[in-house]
Amino acid sequence: MQVDISTRHGHLSEASRQKIEAKMMKITRIFDRLTSIHLTIDLEHEQMPSVDLKVSAEHKHDFVSTDRGADLMGLIDVVIHKMESQLRKYKEKIRQRHRSESDKEMYSEPVNENLDREKE
């Protein structure tokens, strides 16, 4: 998997890059089919930097999370949290879609039995 951190209108220290990369690697625990993670930090406005996080997954378009604020490390945490939410939602959607027919029947049978009982 490719992890890329880029900055616009400024630069980050190597220690900051390592901290940010460690935070971004936590995303892989949620969804293991990620192909790339790209974080862009725009420091054009020093008081209000913006952070964009783009994650590419297999068989899916890119996921995007963006935020702007005063605290850079806090922004990164917020953007990563938003991305984790998107990935969890997508993962659950995949699980529901690929649920076997027997599981679907198992969940629907009690409902049908209850309806039959009510009609009597």
C-alpha atoms as a PDB file:
ATOM      1  CA  MET A   1       0.000   0.000   0.000  1.00  0.00           C
ATOM      2  CA  GLN A   2       1.205   3.448  -0.895  1.00  0.00           C
ATOM      3  CA  VAL A   3       1.144   6.198   1.769  1.00  0.00           C
ATOM      4  CA  ASP A   4       1.851   9.748   0.625  1.00  0.00           C
ATOM      5  CA  ILE A   5       1.968  12.975   2.636  1.00  0.00           C
ATOM      6  CA  SER A   6       2.321  16.236   0.755  1.00  0.00           C
ATOM      7  CA  THR A   7       2.225  19.871   1.790  1.00  0.00           C
ATOM      8  CA  ARG A   8       1.411  23.031  -0.103  1.00  0.00           C
ATOM      9  CA  HIS A   9       2.840  26.439   0.737  1.00  0.00           C
ATOM     10  CA  GLY A  10       5.153  25.154   3.448  1.00  0.00           C
ATOM     11  CA  HIS A  11       6.772  22.027   4.839  1.00  0.00           C
ATOM     12  CA  LEU A  12       6.538  19.699   7.830  1.00  0.00           C
ATOM     13  CA  SER A  13       9.355  18.399   9.963  1.00  0.00           C
ATOM     14  CA  GLU A  14      10.322  14.742   9.668  1.00  0.00           C
ATOM     15  CA  ALA A  15       9.047  14.070  13.201  1.00  0.00           C
ATOM     16  CA  SER A  16       5.629  15.522  12.295  1.00  0.00           C
ATOM     17  CA  ARG A  17       5.512  13.410   9.136  1.00  0.00           C
ATOM     18  CA  GLN A  18       6.236  10.256  11.124  1.00  0.00           C
ATOM     19  CA  LYS A  19       3.487  11.059  13.664  1.00  0.00           C
ATOM     20  CA  ILE A  20       0.999  11.732  10.875  1.00  0.00           C
ATOM     21  CA  GLU A  21       1.944   8.554   9.020  1.00  0.00           C
ATOM     22  CA  ALA A  22       1.492   6.493  12.203  1.00  0.00           C
ATOM     23  CA  LYS A  23      -2.000   7.980  12.627  1.00  0.00           C
ATOM     24  CA  MET A  24      -2.872   7.258   9.000  1.00  0.00           C
ATOM     25  CA  MET A  25      -1.794   3.622   9.282  1.00  0.00           C
ATOM     26  CA  LYS A  26      -4.600   3.082  11.823  1.00  0.00           C
ATOM     27  CA  ILE A  27      -7.041   3.341   8.913  1.00  0.00           C
ATOM     28  CA  THR A  28      -5.765   0.023   7.569  1.00  0.00           C
ATOM     29  CA  ARG A  29      -7.089  -1.782  10.659  1.00  0.00           C
ATOM     30  CA  ILE A  30     -10.647  -0.931   9.662  1.00  0.00           C
ATOM     31  CA  PHE A  31     -10.532  -1.923   5.995  1.00  0.00           C
ATOM     32  CA  ASP A  32      -7.692  -4.073   4.677  1.00  0.00           C
ATOM     33  CA  ARG A  33      -8.371  -3.646   0.937  1.00  0.00           C
ATOM     34  CA  LEU A  34      -6.848  -0.179   0.674  1.00  0.00           C
ATOM     35  CA  THR A  35      -4.475   0.492  -2.201  1.00  0.00           C
ATOM     36  CA  SER A  36      -3.291   4.016  -1.387  1.00  0.00           C
ATOM     37  CA  ILE A  37      -3.602   6.791   1.180  1.00  0.00           C
ATOM     38  CA  HIS A  38      -2.828  10.376   0.192  1.00  0.00           C
ATOM     39  CA  LEU A  39      -2.847  13.263   2.684  1.00  0.00           C
ATOM     40  CA  THR A  40      -2.489  16.859   1.489  1.00  0.00           C
ATOM     41  CA  ILE A  41      -1.885  19.657   3.981  1.00  0.00           C
ATOM     42  CA  ASP A  42      -2.386  23.196   2.673  1.00  0.00           C
ATOM     43  CA  LEU A  43      -0.500  25.752   4.784  1.00  0.00           C
ATOM     44  CA  GLU A  44      -1.334  28.778   2.631  1.00  0.00           C
ATOM     45  CA  HIS A  45      -3.378  30.312   5.456  1.00  0.00           C
ATOM     46  CA  GLU A  46      -1.246  29.743   8.549  1.00  0.00           C
ATOM     47  CA  GLN A  47      -4.084  30.424  10.988  1.00  0.00           C
ATOM     48  CA  MET A  48      -6.549  28.111   9.153  1.00  0.00           C
ATOM     49  CA  PRO A  49      -4.724  25.272   7.379  1.00  0.00           C
ATOM     50  CA  SER A  50      -6.766  22.724   5.438  1.00  0.00           C
ATOM     51  CA  VAL A  51      -6.291  18.965   5.309  1.00  0.00           C
ATOM     52  CA  ASP A  52      -7.498  16.625   2.533  1.00  0.00           C
ATOM     53  CA  LEU A  53      -7.366  12.844   2.913  1.00  0.00           C
ATOM     54  CA  LYS A  54      -7.990  10.593  -0.096  1.00  0.00           C
ATOM     55  CA  VAL A  55      -8.080   6.833   0.244  1.00  0.00           C
ATOM     56  CA  SER A  56      -8.331   4.395  -2.654  1.00  0.00           C
ATOM     57  CA  ALA A  57      -9.792   0.944  -2.096  1.00  0.00           C
ATOM     58  CA  GLU A  58     -10.086  -2.109  -4.325  1.00  0.00           C
ATOM     59  CA  HIS A  59     -13.248  -2.212  -6.426  1.00  0.00           C
ATOM     60  CA  LYS A  60     -14.386   1.214  -5.221  1.00  0.00           C
ATOM     61  CA  HIS A  61     -13.831   4.844  -6.084  1.00  0.00           C
ATOM     62  CA  ASP A  62     -11.807   7.090  -3.806  1.00  0.00           C
ATOM     63  CA  PHE A  63     -13.021   8.070  -0.359  1.00  0.00           C
ATOM     64  CA  VAL A  64     -12.420  11.740   0.492  1.00  0.00           C
ATOM     65  CA  SER A  65     -12.364  13.596   3.799  1.00  0.00           C
ATOM     66  CA  THR A  66     -11.609  17.315   4.188  1.00  0.00           C
ATOM     67  CA  ASP A  67     -11.488  19.799   7.051  1.00  0.00           C
ATOM     68  CA  ARG A  68     -10.136  23.247   7.917  1.00  0.00           C
ATOM     69  CA  GLY A  69      -9.254  24.656  11.327  1.00  0.00           C
ATOM     70  CA  ALA A  70      -6.662  26.172  13.612  1.00  0.00           C
ATOM     71  CA  ASP A  71      -4.974  23.096  15.124  1.00  0.00           C
ATOM     72  CA  LEU A  72      -3.156  21.022  12.495  1.00  0.00           C
ATOM     73  CA  MET A  73      -2.816  17.784  14.487  1.00  0.00           C
ATOM     74  CA  GLY A  74      -6.416  18.097  15.662  1.00  0.00           C
ATOM     75  CA  LEU A  75      -7.490  18.523  12.033  1.00  0.00           C
ATOM     76  CA  ILE A  76      -5.662  15.370  11.060  1.00  0.00           C
ATOM     77  CA  ASP A  77      -7.430  13.458  13.835  1.00  0.00           C
ATOM     78  CA  VAL A  78     -10.824  14.769  12.658  1.00  0.00           C
ATOM     79  CA  VAL A  79     -10.123  13.919   9.014  1.00  0.00           C
ATOM     80  CA  ILE A  80      -8.975  10.408   9.937  1.00  0.00           C
ATOM     81  CA  HIS A  81     -12.082   9.910  12.097  1.00  0.00           C
ATOM     82  CA  LYS A  82     -14.311  10.973   9.186  1.00  0.00           C
ATOM     83  CA  MET A  83     -12.486   8.542   6.911  1.00  0.00           C
ATOM     84  CA  GLU A  84     -12.849   5.706   9.408  1.00  0.00           C
ATOM     85  CA  SER A  85     -16.600   6.358   9.519  1.00  0.00           C
ATOM     86  CA  GLN A  86     -16.850   6.236   5.730  1.00  0.00           C
ATOM     87  CA  LEU A  87     -14.861   3.003   5.557  1.00  0.00           C
ATOM     88  CA  ARG A  88     -16.918   1.354   8.325  1.00  0.00           C
ATOM     89  CA  LYS A  89     -20.128   2.282   6.526  1.00  0.00           C
ATOM     90  CA  TYR A  90     -18.801   0.920   3.218  1.00  0.00           C
ATOM     91  CA  LYS A  91     -17.577  -2.277   4.873  1.00  0.00           C
ATOM     92  CA  GLU A  92     -20.986  -2.865   6.475  1.00  0.00           C
ATOM     93  CA  LYS A  93     -22.654  -2.239   3.118  1.00  0.00           C
ATOM     94  CA  ILE A  94     -20.440  -4.892   1.534  1.00  0.00           C
ATOM     95  CA  ARG A  95     -21.253  -7.356   4.314  1.00  0.00           C
ATOM     96  CA  GLN A  96     -24.983  -6.828   3.846  1.00  0.00           C
ATOM     97  CA  ARG A  97     -24.708  -7.223   0.084  1.00  0.00           C
ATOM     98  CA  HIS A  98     -22.701 -10.429   0.278  1.00  0.00           C
ATOM     99  CA  ARG A  99     -24.744 -12.070   3.001  1.00  0.00           C
ATOM    100  CA  SER A 100     -25.675 -15.546   1.848  1.00  0.00           C
ATOM    101  CA  GLU A 101     -29.234 -16.397   0.861  1.00  0.00           C
ATOM    102  CA  SER A 102     -29.570 -18.811   3.792  1.00  0.00           C
ATOM    103  CA  ASP A 103     -28.826 -15.980   6.231  1.00  0.00           C
ATOM    104  CA  LYS A 104     -31.458 -13.781   4.588  1.00  0.00           C
ATOM    105  CA  GLU A 105     -34.023 -16.579   4.787  1.00  0.00           C
ATOM    106  CA  MET A 106     -33.133 -17.278   8.402  1.00  0.00           C
ATOM    107  CA  TYR A 107     -33.850 -13.662   9.372  1.00  0.00           C
ATOM    108  CA  SER A 108     -37.070 -13.470   7.378  1.00  0.00           C
ATOM    109  CA  GLU A 109     -38.674 -16.766   8.558  1.00  0.00           C
ATOM    110  CA  PRO A 110     -39.690 -15.681  12.084  1.00  0.00           C
ATOM    111  CA  VAL A 111     -41.380 -12.601  10.671  1.00  0.00           C
ATOM    112  CA  ASN A 112     -43.445 -14.735   8.268  1.00  0.00           C
ATOM    113  CA  GLU A 113     -44.416 -17.181  11.026  1.00  0.00           C
ATOM    114  CA  ASN A 114     -45.577 -14.352  13.264  1.00  0.00           C
ATOM    115  CA  LEU A 115     -47.724 -12.912  10.473  1.00  0.00           C
ATOM    116  CA  ASP A 116     -49.353 -16.324   9.888  1.00  0.00           C
ATOM    117  CA  ARG A 117     -50.162 -16.637  13.590  1.00  0.00           C
ATOM    118  CA  GLU A 118     -51.750 -13.200  13.682  1.00  0.00           C
ATOM    119  CA  LYS A 119     -54.054 -14.062  10.763  1.00  0.00           C
ATOM    120  CA  GLU A 120     -55.506 -17.096  12.651  1.00  0.00           C
END
